[in-house]
C-alpha atoms as a PDB file:
ATOM      1  CA  UNK A   1      12.437   4.245   0.385  1.00  0.00           C
ATOM      2  CA  UNK A   2      10.671   6.638   2.744  1.00  0.00           C
ATOM      3  CA  UNK A   3       7.914   9.035   1.479  1.00  0.00           C
ATOM      4  CA  UNK A   4      10.358  11.746   1.454  1.00  0.00           C
ATOM      5  CA  UNK A   5      12.594   9.943  -0.884  1.00  0.00           C
ATOM      6  CA  UNK A   6       9.484   8.891  -3.131  1.00  0.00           C
ATOM      7  CA  UNK A   7       8.664  12.655  -3.411  1.00  0.00           C
ATOM      8  CA  UNK A   8      12.127  13.623  -4.300  1.00  0.00           C
ATOM      9  CA  UNK A   9      12.427  10.637  -6.958  1.00  0.00           C
ATOM     10  CA  UNK A  10       9.038  11.683  -8.274  1.00  0.00           C
ATOM     11  CA  UNK A  11      10.006  15.395  -8.490  1.00  0.00           C
ATOM     12  CA  UNK A  12      13.259  14.516 -10.260  1.00  0.00           C
ATOM     13  CA  UNK A  13      11.664  12.210 -12.932  1.00  0.00           C
ATOM     14  CA  UNK A  14       9.066  14.988 -13.792  1.00  0.00           C
ATOM     15  CA  UNK A  15      11.807  17.658 -14.016  1.00  0.00           C
ATOM     16  CA  UNK A  16      13.999  15.244 -16.380  1.00  0.00           C
ATOM     17  CA  UNK A  17      10.541  14.942 -18.554  1.00  0.00           C
ATOM     18  CA  UNK A  18      10.131  18.599 -18.630  1.00  0.00           C
ATOM     19  CA  UNK A  19       7.452  19.049 -15.874  1.00  0.00           C
ATOM     20  CA  UNK A  20       8.489  21.426 -13.106  1.00  0.00           C
ATOM     21  CA  UNK A  21       6.741  20.310  -9.908  1.00  0.00           C
ATOM     22  CA  UNK A  22       7.472  21.482  -6.431  1.00  0.00           C
ATOM     23  CA  UNK A  23       7.907  19.035  -3.547  1.00  0.00           C
ATOM     24  CA  UNK A  24       4.672  20.248  -2.055  1.00  0.00           C
ATOM     25  CA  UNK A  25       2.681  19.667  -5.531  1.00  0.00           C
ATOM     26  CA  UNK A  26       4.385  15.960  -5.670  1.00  0.00           C
ATOM     27  CA  UNK A  27       3.512  15.498  -1.941  1.00  0.00           C
ATOM     28  CA  UNK A  28      -0.158  16.427  -2.474  1.00  0.00           C
ATOM     29  CA  UNK A  29      -0.460  14.250  -5.576  1.00  0.00           C
ATOM     30  CA  UNK A  30       1.074  11.208  -3.547  1.00  0.00           C
ATOM     31  CA  UNK A  31      -1.280  11.755  -0.711  1.00  0.00           C
ATOM     32  CA  UNK A  32      -4.394  11.884  -3.227  1.00  0.00           C
ATOM     33  CA  UNK A  33      -3.272   8.789  -4.941  1.00  0.00           C
ATOM     34  CA  UNK A  34      -2.872   6.795  -1.777  1.00  0.00           C
ATOM     35  CA  UNK A  35      -6.235   8.154  -0.242  1.00  0.00           C
ATOM     36  CA  UNK A  36      -8.067   7.188  -3.385  1.00  0.00           C
ATOM     37  CA  UNK A  37      -6.403   3.806  -3.656  1.00  0.00           C
ATOM     38  CA  UNK A  38      -7.272   3.170  -0.039  1.00  0.00           C
ATOM     39  CA  UNK A  39     -10.820   4.338  -0.598  1.00  0.00           C
ATOM     40  CA  UNK A  40     -11.259   2.031  -3.536  1.00  0.00           C
ATOM     41  CA  UNK A  41      -9.808  -0.964  -1.880  1.00  0.00           C
ATOM     42  CA  UNK A  42     -12.313  -0.409   0.970  1.00  0.00           C
ATOM     43  CA  UNK A  43     -15.188  -0.004  -1.136  1.00  0.00           C
ATOM     44  CA  UNK A  44     -14.564  -2.478  -3.915  1.00  0.00           C
ATOM     45  CA  UNK A  45     -12.220  -4.951  -1.991  1.00  0.00           C
ATOM     46  CA  UNK A  46      -9.980  -5.058  -4.835  1.00  0.00           C
ATOM     47  CA  UNK A  47      -7.227  -2.489  -6.345  1.00  0.00           C
ATOM     48  CA  UNK A  48      -5.428  -3.546  -9.677  1.00  0.00           C
ATOM     49  CA  UNK A  49      -2.411  -1.558 -10.736  1.00  0.00           C
ATOM     50  CA  UNK A  50      -1.030  -2.730 -14.164  1.00  0.00           C
ATOM     51  CA  UNK A  51       2.754  -3.776 -14.027  1.00  0.00           C
ATOM     52  CA  UNK A  52       2.717  -3.222 -10.170  1.00  0.00           C
ATOM     53  CA  UNK A  53       0.298  -5.800  -8.635  1.00  0.00           C
ATOM     54  CA  UNK A  54      -3.182  -6.353  -7.031  1.00  0.00           C
ATOM     55  CA  UNK A  55      -4.251  -5.493  -3.752  1.00  0.00           C
ATOM     56  CA  UNK A  56      -7.263  -7.517  -2.151  1.00  0.00           C
ATOM     57  CA  UNK A  57      -9.150  -7.270   1.047  1.00  0.00           C
ATOM     58  CA  UNK A  58      -9.229 -10.725   2.861  1.00  0.00           C
ATOM     59  CA  UNK A  59     -11.032 -11.597   5.948  1.00  0.00           C
ATOM     60  CA  UNK A  60      -9.386 -13.336   9.027  1.00  0.00           C
ATOM     61  CA  UNK A  61     -11.476 -15.362  11.256  1.00  0.00           C
ATOM     62  CA  UNK A  62     -11.539 -14.930  14.889  1.00  0.00           C
ATOM     63  CA  UNK A  63      -9.123 -17.277  16.669  1.00  0.00           C
ATOM     64  CA  UNK A  64      -7.755 -18.241  20.011  1.00  0.00           C
ATOM     65  CA  UNK A  65      -4.278 -16.855  20.982  1.00  0.00           C
ATOM     66  CA  UNK A  66      -2.198 -16.795  24.027  1.00  0.00           C
ATOM     67  CA  UNK A  67      -0.917 -13.686  25.838  1.00  0.00           C
ATOM     68  CA  UNK A  68       2.758 -14.255  25.717  1.00  0.00           C
ATOM     69  CA  UNK A  69       3.393 -12.299  29.235  1.00  0.00           C
ATOM     70  CA  UNK A  70       0.660 -14.230  30.961  1.00  0.00           C
ATOM     71  CA  UNK A  71       0.117 -17.433  29.259  1.00  0.00           C
ATOM     72  CA  UNK A  72      -3.857 -16.881  29.381  1.00  0.00           C
ATOM     73  CA  UNK A  73      -5.913 -17.646  26.325  1.00  0.00           C
ATOM     74  CA  UNK A  74      -7.134 -14.845  24.562  1.00  0.00           C
ATOM     75  CA  UNK A  75      -9.927 -14.511  21.606  1.00  0.00           C
ATOM     76  CA  UNK A  76      -8.416 -12.445  18.751  1.00  0.00           C
ATOM     77  CA  UNK A  77     -11.191 -10.758  16.875  1.00  0.00           C
ATOM     78  CA  UNK A  78     -12.157 -11.245  13.128  1.00  0.00           C
ATOM     79  CA  UNK A  79     -10.809  -8.353  11.158  1.00  0.00           C
ATOM     80  CA  UNK A  80     -10.119  -7.757   7.426  1.00  0.00           C
ATOM     81  CA  UNK A  81      -6.786  -7.265   6.069  1.00  0.00           C
ATOM     82  CA  UNK A  82      -5.315  -6.188   2.808  1.00  0.00           C
ATOM     83  CA  UNK A  83      -3.131  -8.605   0.734  1.00  0.00           C
ATOM     84  CA  UNK A  84      -0.833  -7.891  -2.026  1.00  0.00           C
ATOM     85  CA  UNK A  85       0.138 -10.108  -5.040  1.00  0.00           C
ATOM     86  CA  UNK A  86       3.096  -8.383  -7.144  1.00  0.00           C
ATOM     87  CA  UNK A  87       2.708  -8.341 -10.922  1.00  0.00           C
ATOM     88  CA  UNK A  88       5.133 -10.370 -12.912  1.00  0.00           C
ATOM     89  CA  UNK A  89       6.731  -6.934 -14.313  1.00  0.00           C
ATOM     90  CA  UNK A  90       7.446  -5.884 -10.768  1.00  0.00           C
ATOM     91  CA  UNK A  91       8.901  -9.251  -9.727  1.00  0.00           C
ATOM     92  CA  UNK A  92      11.300  -9.040 -12.896  1.00  0.00           C
ATOM     93  CA  UNK A  93      12.263  -5.677 -11.863  1.00  0.00           C
ATOM     94  CA  UNK A  94      13.010  -6.477  -8.378  1.00  0.00           C
ATOM     95  CA  UNK A  95      15.034  -9.619  -9.364  1.00  0.00           C
END
């Protein structure tokens, strides 16, 4: 599903529930939600959404790698990554 498809689906669900929202309104709301989620994840290191799943920041240590073109050894810097663990409700819905 793309962002445009998500916007249309949310707009349709809102319309079915009796709330008229424009695509621009829904787009703005989705942007706000994802911006706040990313901000919260960066600040707290964890984001929990009931019946959807948990996002958690994890640290990857620096490590040695190989340049596939030249075969030279390179150092890959340490970094933080976001990991996702789906909730049971989401797993059940997908299956």
